[in-house]
């Protein structure tokens, strides 16, 4: 048998045997070499493929566990809630009383200005009703009965809605927490009477007579009154409630021709509602 050597770097084949066998031997060896390499590569490829099939799902699962999906859930079934919970901001007692005093003062001042402007305009012959004539600060004994009836009506309706309308109850509770949580019991007199009196002076004592002092003006003013009660935790259910209350106060104003009636009714209803919330919240704790 002859000697066959391969110089790999230069890729030349040196053959030492009979000249006739040179061509056959070189081709035979060259053909066996690629076959061995291809078989070895085939085995490595199969081994790598098998290993990949065995390990890849685990790796993918591991990466999936580490990367939460868009909805905040990962493959472990654990929910990652990226939305912060609803946090109710509760201002301090001094901030509540200060805001209540300033806001009520501005509302009352606006109401007085409108009443005075309407009085001057009416005296000058302008086609405008005199607010001070249509809705006065007068008070009669039967007004006391009207005020009592309004307080019973509004407070009863509010209590029924709190028990039967969950959306309204949640809206009212959120608003009350923001305003009343930091207050002392005697502070309720301030936050009940100042807003009640100033709001009625503006809406029923000024805007209502200026717009006509009839049922159309009652509906318009009550709608504006309800819309302005949105915000600070109060939702549309509370606006609907405020609109209804505004209609009742408007009707009482037309009946009595006195701004004292809606003022007293509004303030007392605020006080009853605040005390009722405080009692129920303390009992739940």
C-alpha atoms as a PDB file:
ATOM      1  CA  UNK A   1       0.000   0.000   0.000  1.00  0.00           C
ATOM      2  CA  UNK A   2       1.235   3.423  -0.715  1.00  0.00           C
ATOM      3  CA  UNK A   3       1.533   6.537   1.507  1.00  0.00           C
ATOM      4  CA  UNK A   4      -1.011   9.339   1.124  1.00  0.00           C
ATOM      5  CA  UNK A   5      -0.479  12.734   2.787  1.00  0.00           C
ATOM      6  CA  UNK A   6      -2.494  15.973   2.741  1.00  0.00           C
ATOM      7  CA  UNK A   7      -0.993  19.411   3.256  1.00  0.00           C
ATOM      8  CA  UNK A   8      -4.080  21.262   4.638  1.00  0.00           C
ATOM      9  CA  UNK A   9      -2.781  24.828   4.515  1.00  0.00           C
ATOM     10  CA  UNK A  10      -1.845  24.622   0.845  1.00  0.00           C
ATOM     11  CA  UNK A  11      -4.534  22.139  -0.193  1.00  0.00           C
ATOM     12  CA  UNK A  12      -2.046  20.141  -2.285  1.00  0.00           C
ATOM     13  CA  UNK A  13      -2.040  16.359  -2.351  1.00  0.00           C
ATOM     14  CA  UNK A  14       1.307  14.505  -2.501  1.00  0.00           C
ATOM     15  CA  UNK A  15       1.042  10.900  -3.606  1.00  0.00           C
ATOM     16  CA  UNK A  16       3.857   8.300  -3.315  1.00  0.00           C
ATOM     17  CA  UNK A  17       2.836   5.134  -5.113  1.00  0.00           C
ATOM     18  CA  UNK A  18       2.338   3.954  -8.612  1.00  0.00           C
ATOM     19  CA  UNK A  19       1.587   6.735 -11.036  1.00  0.00           C
ATOM     20  CA  UNK A  20      -1.445   4.887 -12.294  1.00  0.00           C
ATOM     21  CA  UNK A  21      -3.077   4.858  -8.869  1.00  0.00           C
ATOM     22  CA  UNK A  22      -2.528   8.522  -8.126  1.00  0.00           C
ATOM     23  CA  UNK A  23      -5.737   9.827  -9.601  1.00  0.00           C
ATOM     24  CA  UNK A  24      -7.938   7.138  -7.974  1.00  0.00           C
ATOM     25  CA  UNK A  25      -6.381   7.409  -4.492  1.00  0.00           C
ATOM     26  CA  UNK A  26      -6.599  11.183  -4.330  1.00  0.00           C
ATOM     27  CA  UNK A  27     -10.223  11.240  -5.373  1.00  0.00           C
ATOM     28  CA  UNK A  28     -11.126   8.447  -2.963  1.00  0.00           C
ATOM     29  CA  UNK A  29      -9.576  10.186  -0.001  1.00  0.00           C
ATOM     30  CA  UNK A  30     -10.929  13.572  -1.005  1.00  0.00           C
ATOM     31  CA  UNK A  31     -14.440  12.150  -1.331  1.00  0.00           C
ATOM     32  CA  UNK A  32     -14.274  10.388   2.046  1.00  0.00           C
ATOM     33  CA  UNK A  33     -13.072  13.527   3.841  1.00  0.00           C
ATOM     34  CA  UNK A  34     -16.099  15.742   2.971  1.00  0.00           C
ATOM     35  CA  UNK A  35     -18.384  12.836   3.831  1.00  0.00           C
ATOM     36  CA  UNK A  36     -16.836  12.538   7.294  1.00  0.00           C
ATOM     37  CA  UNK A  37     -17.049  16.291   7.808  1.00  0.00           C
ATOM     38  CA  UNK A  38     -20.655  16.438   6.635  1.00  0.00           C
ATOM     39  CA  UNK A  39     -21.627  13.512   8.895  1.00  0.00           C
ATOM     40  CA  UNK A  40     -19.894  15.171  11.849  1.00  0.00           C
ATOM     41  CA  UNK A  41     -21.608  18.481  11.096  1.00  0.00           C
ATOM     42  CA  UNK A  42     -24.925  16.647  10.740  1.00  0.00           C
ATOM     43  CA  UNK A  43     -24.516  15.066  14.170  1.00  0.00           C
ATOM     44  CA  UNK A  44     -23.570  18.430  15.702  1.00  0.00           C
ATOM     45  CA  UNK A  45     -26.516  20.109  13.987  1.00  0.00           C
ATOM     46  CA  UNK A  46     -28.946  17.464  15.245  1.00  0.00           C
ATOM     47  CA  UNK A  47     -27.497  17.693  18.749  1.00  0.00           C
ATOM     48  CA  UNK A  48     -27.744  21.490  18.749  1.00  0.00           C
ATOM     49  CA  UNK A  49     -31.289  21.377  17.362  1.00  0.00           C
ATOM     50  CA  UNK A  50     -32.380  18.858  19.997  1.00  0.00           C
ATOM     51  CA  UNK A  51     -30.791  20.872  22.773  1.00  0.00           C
ATOM     52  CA  UNK A  52     -32.399  24.048  21.461  1.00  0.00           C
ATOM     53  CA  UNK A  53     -35.827  22.423  21.361  1.00  0.00           C
ATOM     54  CA  UNK A  54     -35.416  21.247  24.934  1.00  0.00           C
ATOM     55  CA  UNK A  55     -34.124  24.500  26.399  1.00  0.00           C
ATOM     56  CA  UNK A  56     -35.672  27.201  24.246  1.00  0.00           C
ATOM     57  CA  UNK A  57     -39.223  27.031  25.685  1.00  0.00           C
ATOM     58  CA  UNK A  58     -37.843  27.329  29.191  1.00  0.00           C
ATOM     59  CA  UNK A  59     -35.727  30.306  28.172  1.00  0.00           C
ATOM     60  CA  UNK A  60     -38.689  31.935  26.470  1.00  0.00           C
ATOM     61  CA  UNK A  61     -40.867  31.284  29.477  1.00  0.00           C
ATOM     62  CA  UNK A  62     -38.212  32.733  31.696  1.00  0.00           C
ATOM     63  CA  UNK A  63     -37.983  35.870  29.601  1.00  0.00           C
ATOM     64  CA  UNK A  64     -41.758  36.096  29.448  1.00  0.00           C
ATOM     65  CA  UNK A  65     -41.926  35.837  33.215  1.00  0.00           C
ATOM     66  CA  UNK A  66     -39.447  38.665  33.521  1.00  0.00           C
ATOM     67  CA  UNK A  67     -41.217  40.907  30.967  1.00  0.00           C
ATOM     68  CA  UNK A  68     -44.788  41.878  31.831  1.00  0.00           C
ATOM     69  CA  UNK A  69     -47.292  42.156  29.051  1.00  0.00           C
ATOM     70  CA  UNK A  70     -49.007  45.362  27.974  1.00  0.00           C
ATOM     71  CA  UNK A  71     -51.978  44.799  30.230  1.00  0.00           C
ATOM     72  CA  UNK A  72     -49.748  44.513  33.259  1.00  0.00           C
ATOM     73  CA  UNK A  73     -49.956  40.691  33.612  1.00  0.00           C
ATOM     74  CA  UNK A  74     -47.076  38.224  33.367  1.00  0.00           C
ATOM     75  CA  UNK A  75     -47.167  34.495  32.653  1.00  0.00           C
ATOM     76  CA  UNK A  76     -47.138  33.596  36.320  1.00  0.00           C
ATOM     77  CA  UNK A  77     -50.686  34.866  36.600  1.00  0.00           C
ATOM     78  CA  UNK A  78     -49.630  37.706  38.867  1.00  0.00           C
ATOM     79  CA  UNK A  79     -51.178  41.029  38.054  1.00  0.00           C
ATOM     80  CA  UNK A  80     -48.977  44.088  37.986  1.00  0.00           C
ATOM     81  CA  UNK A  81     -51.260  47.057  38.374  1.00  0.00           C
ATOM     82  CA  UNK A  82     -49.450  50.111  37.075  1.00  0.00           C
ATOM     83  CA  UNK A  83     -52.458  52.374  37.700  1.00  0.00           C
ATOM     84  CA  UNK A  84     -52.180  54.125  41.044  1.00  0.00           C
ATOM     85  CA  UNK A  85     -55.203  53.769  43.308  1.00  0.00           C
ATOM     86  CA  UNK A  86     -57.605  56.639  43.678  1.00  0.00           C
ATOM     87  CA  UNK A  87     -56.265  58.853  46.434  1.00  0.00           C
ATOM     88  CA  UNK A  88     -58.551  61.394  48.033  1.00  0.00           C
ATOM     89  CA  UNK A  89     -56.709  64.594  48.877  1.00  0.00           C
ATOM     90  CA  UNK A  90     -57.840  65.873  52.269  1.00  0.00           C
ATOM     91  CA  UNK A  91     -56.892  69.514  52.911  1.00  0.00           C
ATOM     92  CA  UNK A  92     -56.184  70.808  56.377  1.00  0.00           C
ATOM     93  CA  UNK A  93     -58.825  72.371  58.592  1.00  0.00           C
ATOM     94  CA  UNK A  94     -57.452  75.876  58.130  1.00  0.00           C
ATOM     95  CA  UNK A  95     -57.366  75.498  54.345  1.00  0.00           C
ATOM     96  CA  UNK A  96     -60.976  74.309  54.245  1.00  0.00           C
ATOM     97  CA  UNK A  97     -62.241  77.155  56.423  1.00  0.00           C
ATOM     98  CA  UNK A  98     -60.188  79.733  54.533  1.00  0.00           C
ATOM     99  CA  UNK A  99     -61.376  78.516  51.129  1.00  0.00           C
ATOM    100  CA  UNK A 100     -64.970  78.387  52.337  1.00  0.00           C
ATOM    101  CA  UNK A 101     -64.825  81.918  53.712  1.00  0.00           C
ATOM    102  CA  UNK A 102     -63.148  83.458  50.661  1.00  0.00           C
ATOM    103  CA  UNK A 103     -65.325  81.654  48.121  1.00  0.00           C
ATOM    104  CA  UNK A 104     -68.525  82.451  49.979  1.00  0.00           C
ATOM    105  CA  UNK A 105     -67.497  86.089  50.264  1.00  0.00           C
ATOM    106  CA  UNK A 106     -66.850  86.369  46.530  1.00  0.00           C
ATOM    107  CA  UNK A 107     -70.154  84.697  45.649  1.00  0.00           C
ATOM    108  CA  UNK A 108     -72.081  86.944  48.012  1.00  0.00           C
ATOM    109  CA  UNK A 109     -70.332  90.030  46.643  1.00  0.00           C
ATOM    110  CA  UNK A 110     -71.266  89.044  43.090  1.00  0.00           C
ATOM    111  CA  UNK A 111     -74.871  88.569  44.128  1.00  0.00           C
ATOM    112  CA  UNK A 112     -75.001  91.970  45.812  1.00  0.00           C
ATOM    113  CA  UNK A 113     -73.445  93.643  42.770  1.00  0.00           C
ATOM    114  CA  UNK A 114     -76.037  92.097  40.438  1.00  0.00           C
ATOM    115  CA  UNK A 115     -78.849  93.172  42.742  1.00  0.00           C
ATOM    116  CA  UNK A 116     -77.517  96.720  42.908  1.00  0.00           C
ATOM    117  CA  UNK A 117     -76.979  96.943  39.141  1.00  0.00           C
ATOM    118  CA  UNK A 118     -80.501  95.691  38.502  1.00  0.00           C
ATOM    119  CA  UNK A 119     -81.875  98.269  40.929  1.00  0.00           C
ATOM    120  CA  UNK A 120     -80.018 101.117  39.225  1.00  0.00           C
ATOM    121  CA  UNK A 121     -80.967  99.860  35.765  1.00  0.00           C
ATOM    122  CA  UNK A 122     -84.621  99.583  36.724  1.00  0.00           C
ATOM    123  CA  UNK A 123     -84.573 103.112  38.163  1.00  0.00           C
ATOM    124  CA  UNK A 124     -83.097 104.380  34.896  1.00  0.00           C
ATOM    125  CA  UNK A 125     -85.936 102.846  32.932  1.00  0.00           C
ATOM    126  CA  UNK A 126     -84.110  99.854  31.501  1.00  0.00           C
ATOM    127  CA  UNK A 127     -86.249  96.770  30.728  1.00  0.00           C
ATOM    128  CA  UNK A 128     -84.889  94.838  33.681  1.00  0.00           C
ATOM    129  CA  UNK A 129     -86.489  93.666  36.911  1.00  0.00           C
ATOM    130  CA  UNK A 130     -85.343  95.161  40.184  1.00  0.00           C
ATOM    131  CA  UNK A 131     -83.999  92.236  42.202  1.00  0.00           C
ATOM    132  CA  UNK A 132     -84.461  94.030  45.513  1.00  0.00           C
ATOM    133  CA  UNK A 133     -88.149  94.541  44.729  1.00  0.00           C
ATOM    134  CA  UNK A 134     -88.907  91.060  43.382  1.00  0.00           C
ATOM    135  CA  UNK A 135     -86.891  89.148  45.990  1.00  0.00           C
ATOM    136  CA  UNK A 136     -86.467  91.004  49.259  1.00  0.00           C
ATOM    137  CA  UNK A 137     -84.864  90.163  52.587  1.00  0.00           C
ATOM    138  CA  UNK A 138     -88.253  90.201  54.271  1.00  0.00           C
ATOM    139  CA  UNK A 139     -89.434  87.441  56.574  1.00  0.00           C
ATOM    140  CA  UNK A 140     -92.901  86.433  57.695  1.00  0.00           C
ATOM    141  CA  UNK A 141     -94.090  83.838  60.168  1.00  0.00           C
ATOM    142  CA  UNK A 142     -95.401  81.447  57.552  1.00  0.00           C
ATOM    143  CA  UNK A 143     -91.949  81.429  55.962  1.00  0.00           C
ATOM    144  CA  UNK A 144     -90.845  79.407  58.966  1.00  0.00           C
ATOM    145  CA  UNK A 145     -93.279  76.659  58.015  1.00  0.00           C
ATOM    146  CA  UNK A 146     -92.045  76.753  54.435  1.00  0.00           C
ATOM    147  CA  UNK A 147     -88.430  76.465  55.574  1.00  0.00           C
ATOM    148  CA  UNK A 148     -89.280  73.496  57.804  1.00  0.00           C
ATOM    149  CA  UNK A 149     -91.040  71.743  54.947  1.00  0.00           C
ATOM    150  CA  UNK A 150     -88.102  72.331  52.603  1.00  0.00           C
ATOM    151  CA  UNK A 151     -85.616  70.934  55.111  1.00  0.00           C
ATOM    152  CA  UNK A 152     -87.712  67.810  55.649  1.00  0.00           C
ATOM    153  CA  UNK A 153     -88.238  67.323  51.911  1.00  0.00           C
ATOM    154  CA  UNK A 154     -84.620  67.805  50.830  1.00  0.00           C
ATOM    155  CA  UNK A 155     -83.109  65.833  53.721  1.00  0.00           C
ATOM    156  CA  UNK A 156     -85.525  62.933  53.224  1.00  0.00           C
ATOM    157  CA  UNK A 157     -84.854  62.785  49.490  1.00  0.00           C
ATOM    158  CA  UNK A 158     -81.102  62.871  50.081  1.00  0.00           C
ATOM    159  CA  UNK A 159     -81.303  60.048  52.617  1.00  0.00           C
ATOM    160  CA  UNK A 160     -83.347  57.892  50.244  1.00  0.00           C
ATOM    161  CA  UNK A 161     -80.911  58.498  47.380  1.00  0.00           C
ATOM    162  CA  UNK A 162     -77.936  57.634  49.578  1.00  0.00           C
ATOM    163  CA  UNK A 163     -79.542  54.292  50.365  1.00  0.00           C
ATOM    164  CA  UNK A 164     -80.792  53.446  46.880  1.00  0.00           C
ATOM    165  CA  UNK A 165     -78.409  55.121  44.388  1.00  0.00           C
ATOM    166  CA  UNK A 166     -74.875  53.836  44.858  1.00  0.00           C
ATOM    167  CA  UNK A 167     -73.349  56.175  42.293  1.00  0.00           C
ATOM    168  CA  UNK A 168     -74.799  59.174  44.098  1.00  0.00           C
ATOM    169  CA  UNK A 169     -73.707  57.801  47.476  1.00  0.00           C
ATOM    170  CA  UNK A 170     -70.101  57.361  46.301  1.00  0.00           C
ATOM    171  CA  UNK A 171     -70.015  60.833  44.776  1.00  0.00           C
ATOM    172  CA  UNK A 172     -71.398  62.435  47.933  1.00  0.00           C
ATOM    173  CA  UNK A 173     -69.063  60.475  50.182  1.00  0.00           C
ATOM    174  CA  UNK A 174     -65.984  61.517  48.198  1.00  0.00           C
ATOM    175  CA  UNK A 175     -66.963  65.185  48.310  1.00  0.00           C
ATOM    176  CA  UNK A 176     -67.755  65.051  52.026  1.00  0.00           C
ATOM    177  CA  UNK A 177     -64.446  63.366  52.820  1.00  0.00           C
ATOM    178  CA  UNK A 178     -62.524  66.135  51.092  1.00  0.00           C
ATOM    179  CA  UNK A 179     -64.335  68.928  52.912  1.00  0.00           C
ATOM    180  CA  UNK A 180     -65.412  67.544  56.276  1.00  0.00           C
ATOM    181  CA  UNK A 181     -62.759  65.019  57.329  1.00  0.00           C
ATOM    182  CA  UNK A 182     -60.406  67.552  58.912  1.00  0.00           C
ATOM    183  CA  UNK A 183     -63.103  69.699  60.560  1.00  0.00           C
ATOM    184  CA  UNK A 184     -64.327  69.838  64.121  1.00  0.00           C
ATOM    185  CA  UNK A 185     -68.075  69.439  64.763  1.00  0.00           C
ATOM    186  CA  UNK A 186     -68.595  73.163  65.403  1.00  0.00           C
ATOM    187  CA  UNK A 187     -66.869  73.946  62.087  1.00  0.00           C
ATOM    188  CA  UNK A 188     -69.866  72.442  60.339  1.00  0.00           C
ATOM    189  CA  UNK A 189     -71.805  75.605  61.109  1.00  0.00           C
ATOM    190  CA  UNK A 190     -69.316  77.608  59.054  1.00  0.00           C
ATOM    191  CA  UNK A 191     -69.190  75.297  56.020  1.00  0.00           C
ATOM    192  CA  UNK A 192     -72.975  74.850  56.113  1.00  0.00           C
ATOM    193  CA  UNK A 193     -74.201  78.423  56.533  1.00  0.00           C
ATOM    194  CA  UNK A 194     -71.658  80.480  54.591  1.00  0.00           C
ATOM    195  CA  UNK A 195     -71.994  78.580  51.276  1.00  0.00           C
ATOM    196  CA  UNK A 196     -75.736  78.119  51.693  1.00  0.00           C
ATOM    197  CA  UNK A 197     -76.446  81.793  52.268  1.00  0.00           C
ATOM    198  CA  UNK A 198     -74.025  83.141  49.653  1.00  0.00           C
ATOM    199  CA  UNK A 199     -75.109  80.727  46.915  1.00  0.00           C
ATOM    200  CA  UNK A 200     -78.780  81.519  47.429  1.00  0.00           C
ATOM    201  CA  UNK A 201     -78.066  85.237  47.423  1.00  0.00           C
ATOM    202  CA  UNK A 202     -76.474  84.880  43.986  1.00  0.00           C
ATOM    203  CA  UNK A 203     -78.686  82.284  42.310  1.00  0.00           C
ATOM    204  CA  UNK A 204     -82.127  82.861  43.821  1.00  0.00           C
ATOM    205  CA  UNK A 205     -81.654  86.415  45.051  1.00  0.00           C
ATOM    206  CA  UNK A 206     -79.981  87.882  41.941  1.00  0.00           C
ATOM    207  CA  UNK A 207     -79.917  85.666  38.841  1.00  0.00           C
ATOM    208  CA  UNK A 208     -83.459  84.357  39.210  1.00  0.00           C
ATOM    209  CA  UNK A 209     -85.214  87.767  39.191  1.00  0.00           C
ATOM    210  CA  UNK A 210     -82.845  89.208  36.577  1.00  0.00           C
ATOM    211  CA  UNK A 211     -83.746  86.438  34.113  1.00  0.00           C
ATOM    212  CA  UNK A 212     -87.470  86.926  34.515  1.00  0.00           C
ATOM    213  CA  UNK A 213     -88.600  85.547  37.882  1.00  0.00           C
ATOM    214  CA  UNK A 214     -90.708  82.791  36.288  1.00  0.00           C
ATOM    215  CA  UNK A 215     -90.481  79.064  35.676  1.00  0.00           C
ATOM    216  CA  UNK A 216     -88.145  79.490  32.714  1.00  0.00           C
ATOM    217  CA  UNK A 217     -85.658  81.395  34.823  1.00  0.00           C
ATOM    218  CA  UNK A 218     -86.056  78.788  37.574  1.00  0.00           C
ATOM    219  CA  UNK A 219     -85.020  76.004  35.182  1.00  0.00           C
ATOM    220  CA  UNK A 220     -82.111  77.966  33.687  1.00  0.00           C
ATOM    221  CA  UNK A 221     -80.706  79.049  37.041  1.00  0.00           C
ATOM    222  CA  UNK A 222     -81.163  75.570  38.531  1.00  0.00           C
ATOM    223  CA  UNK A 223     -79.320  73.960  35.615  1.00  0.00           C
ATOM    224  CA  UNK A 224     -76.393  76.352  36.002  1.00  0.00           C
ATOM    225  CA  UNK A 225     -76.470  75.720  39.745  1.00  0.00           C
ATOM    226  CA  UNK A 226     -76.272  71.962  39.170  1.00  0.00           C
ATOM    227  CA  UNK A 227     -73.453  72.108  36.623  1.00  0.00           C
ATOM    228  CA  UNK A 228     -71.341  74.264  38.941  1.00  0.00           C
ATOM    229  CA  UNK A 229     -71.533  71.523  41.570  1.00  0.00           C
ATOM    230  CA  UNK A 230     -69.417  69.205  39.413  1.00  0.00           C
ATOM    231  CA  UNK A 231     -65.832  68.555  40.454  1.00  0.00           C
ATOM    232  CA  UNK A 232     -64.024  67.876  43.734  1.00  0.00           C
ATOM    233  CA  UNK A 233     -65.263  64.304  43.726  1.00  0.00           C
ATOM    234  CA  UNK A 234     -68.778  65.281  42.705  1.00  0.00           C
ATOM    235  CA  UNK A 235     -69.943  63.576  39.525  1.00  0.00           C
ATOM    236  CA  UNK A 236     -72.959  63.920  37.253  1.00  0.00           C
ATOM    237  CA  UNK A 237     -75.240  62.233  39.756  1.00  0.00           C
ATOM    238  CA  UNK A 238     -74.532  65.018  42.216  1.00  0.00           C
ATOM    239  CA  UNK A 239     -75.137  67.637  39.519  1.00  0.00           C
ATOM    240  CA  UNK A 240     -78.554  66.112  38.835  1.00  0.00           C
ATOM    241  CA  UNK A 241     -79.311  66.242  42.538  1.00  0.00           C
ATOM    242  CA  UNK A 242     -78.170  69.866  42.812  1.00  0.00           C
ATOM    243  CA  UNK A 243     -80.355  70.781  39.834  1.00  0.00           C
ATOM    244  CA  UNK A 244     -83.387  69.245  41.527  1.00  0.00           C
ATOM    245  CA  UNK A 245     -82.616  71.089  44.762  1.00  0.00           C
ATOM    246  CA  UNK A 246     -82.231  74.333  42.817  1.00  0.00           C
ATOM    247  CA  UNK A 247     -85.685  73.881  41.293  1.00  0.00           C
ATOM    248  CA  UNK A 248     -87.205  73.387  44.750  1.00  0.00           C
ATOM    249  CA  UNK A 249     -85.462  76.470  46.139  1.00  0.00           C
ATOM    250  CA  UNK A 250     -86.498  78.482  43.092  1.00  0.00           C
ATOM    251  CA  UNK A 251     -90.138  77.525  43.559  1.00  0.00           C
ATOM    252  CA  UNK A 252     -89.928  78.477  47.241  1.00  0.00           C
ATOM    253  CA  UNK A 253     -88.420  81.842  46.290  1.00  0.00           C
ATOM    254  CA  UNK A 254     -91.261  82.613  43.888  1.00  0.00           C
ATOM    255  CA  UNK A 255     -93.802  81.626  46.535  1.00  0.00           C
ATOM    256  CA  UNK A 256     -92.305  83.726  49.320  1.00  0.00           C
ATOM    257  CA  UNK A 257     -90.633  86.549  47.335  1.00  0.00           C
ATOM    258  CA  UNK A 258     -87.945  86.381  50.014  1.00  0.00           C
ATOM    259  CA  UNK A 259     -84.339  85.290  49.688  1.00  0.00           C
ATOM    260  CA  UNK A 260     -84.309  84.392  53.388  1.00  0.00           C
ATOM    261  CA  UNK A 261     -86.361  81.251  52.713  1.00  0.00           C
ATOM    262  CA  UNK A 262     -83.887  79.562  50.309  1.00  0.00           C
ATOM    263  CA  UNK A 263     -80.956  80.848  52.359  1.00  0.00           C
ATOM    264  CA  UNK A 264     -82.166  79.261  55.590  1.00  0.00           C
ATOM    265  CA  UNK A 265     -83.316  76.073  53.867  1.00  0.00           C
ATOM    266  CA  UNK A 266     -80.031  75.598  52.025  1.00  0.00           C
ATOM    267  CA  UNK A 267     -77.912  76.239  55.115  1.00  0.00           C
ATOM    268  CA  UNK A 268     -79.944  73.898  57.332  1.00  0.00           C
ATOM    269  CA  UNK A 269     -79.914  71.158  54.705  1.00  0.00           C
ATOM    270  CA  UNK A 270     -76.136  71.484  54.446  1.00  0.00           C
ATOM    271  CA  UNK A 271     -75.866  71.136  58.214  1.00  0.00           C
ATOM    272  CA  UNK A 272     -78.143  68.093  58.337  1.00  0.00           C
ATOM    273  CA  UNK A 273     -76.268  66.434  55.483  1.00  0.00           C
ATOM    274  CA  UNK A 274     -72.878  67.066  57.095  1.00  0.00           C
ATOM    275  CA  UNK A 275     -73.929  65.764  60.500  1.00  0.00           C
ATOM    276  CA  UNK A 276     -75.544  62.721  58.914  1.00  0.00           C
ATOM    277  CA  UNK A 277     -72.332  61.929  57.033  1.00  0.00           C
ATOM    278  CA  UNK A 278     -70.241  62.350  60.184  1.00  0.00           C
ATOM    279  CA  UNK A 279     -72.510  60.058  62.186  1.00  0.00           C
ATOM    280  CA  UNK A 280     -72.606  57.320  59.538  1.00  0.00           C
ATOM    281  CA  UNK A 281     -68.852  57.464  58.855  1.00  0.00           C
ATOM    282  CA  UNK A 282     -68.037  57.207  62.567  1.00  0.00           C
ATOM    283  CA  UNK A 283     -70.418  54.290  62.999  1.00  0.00           C
ATOM    284  CA  UNK A 284     -68.791  52.428  60.097  1.00  0.00           C
ATOM    285  CA  UNK A 285     -65.359  52.868  61.673  1.00  0.00           C
END
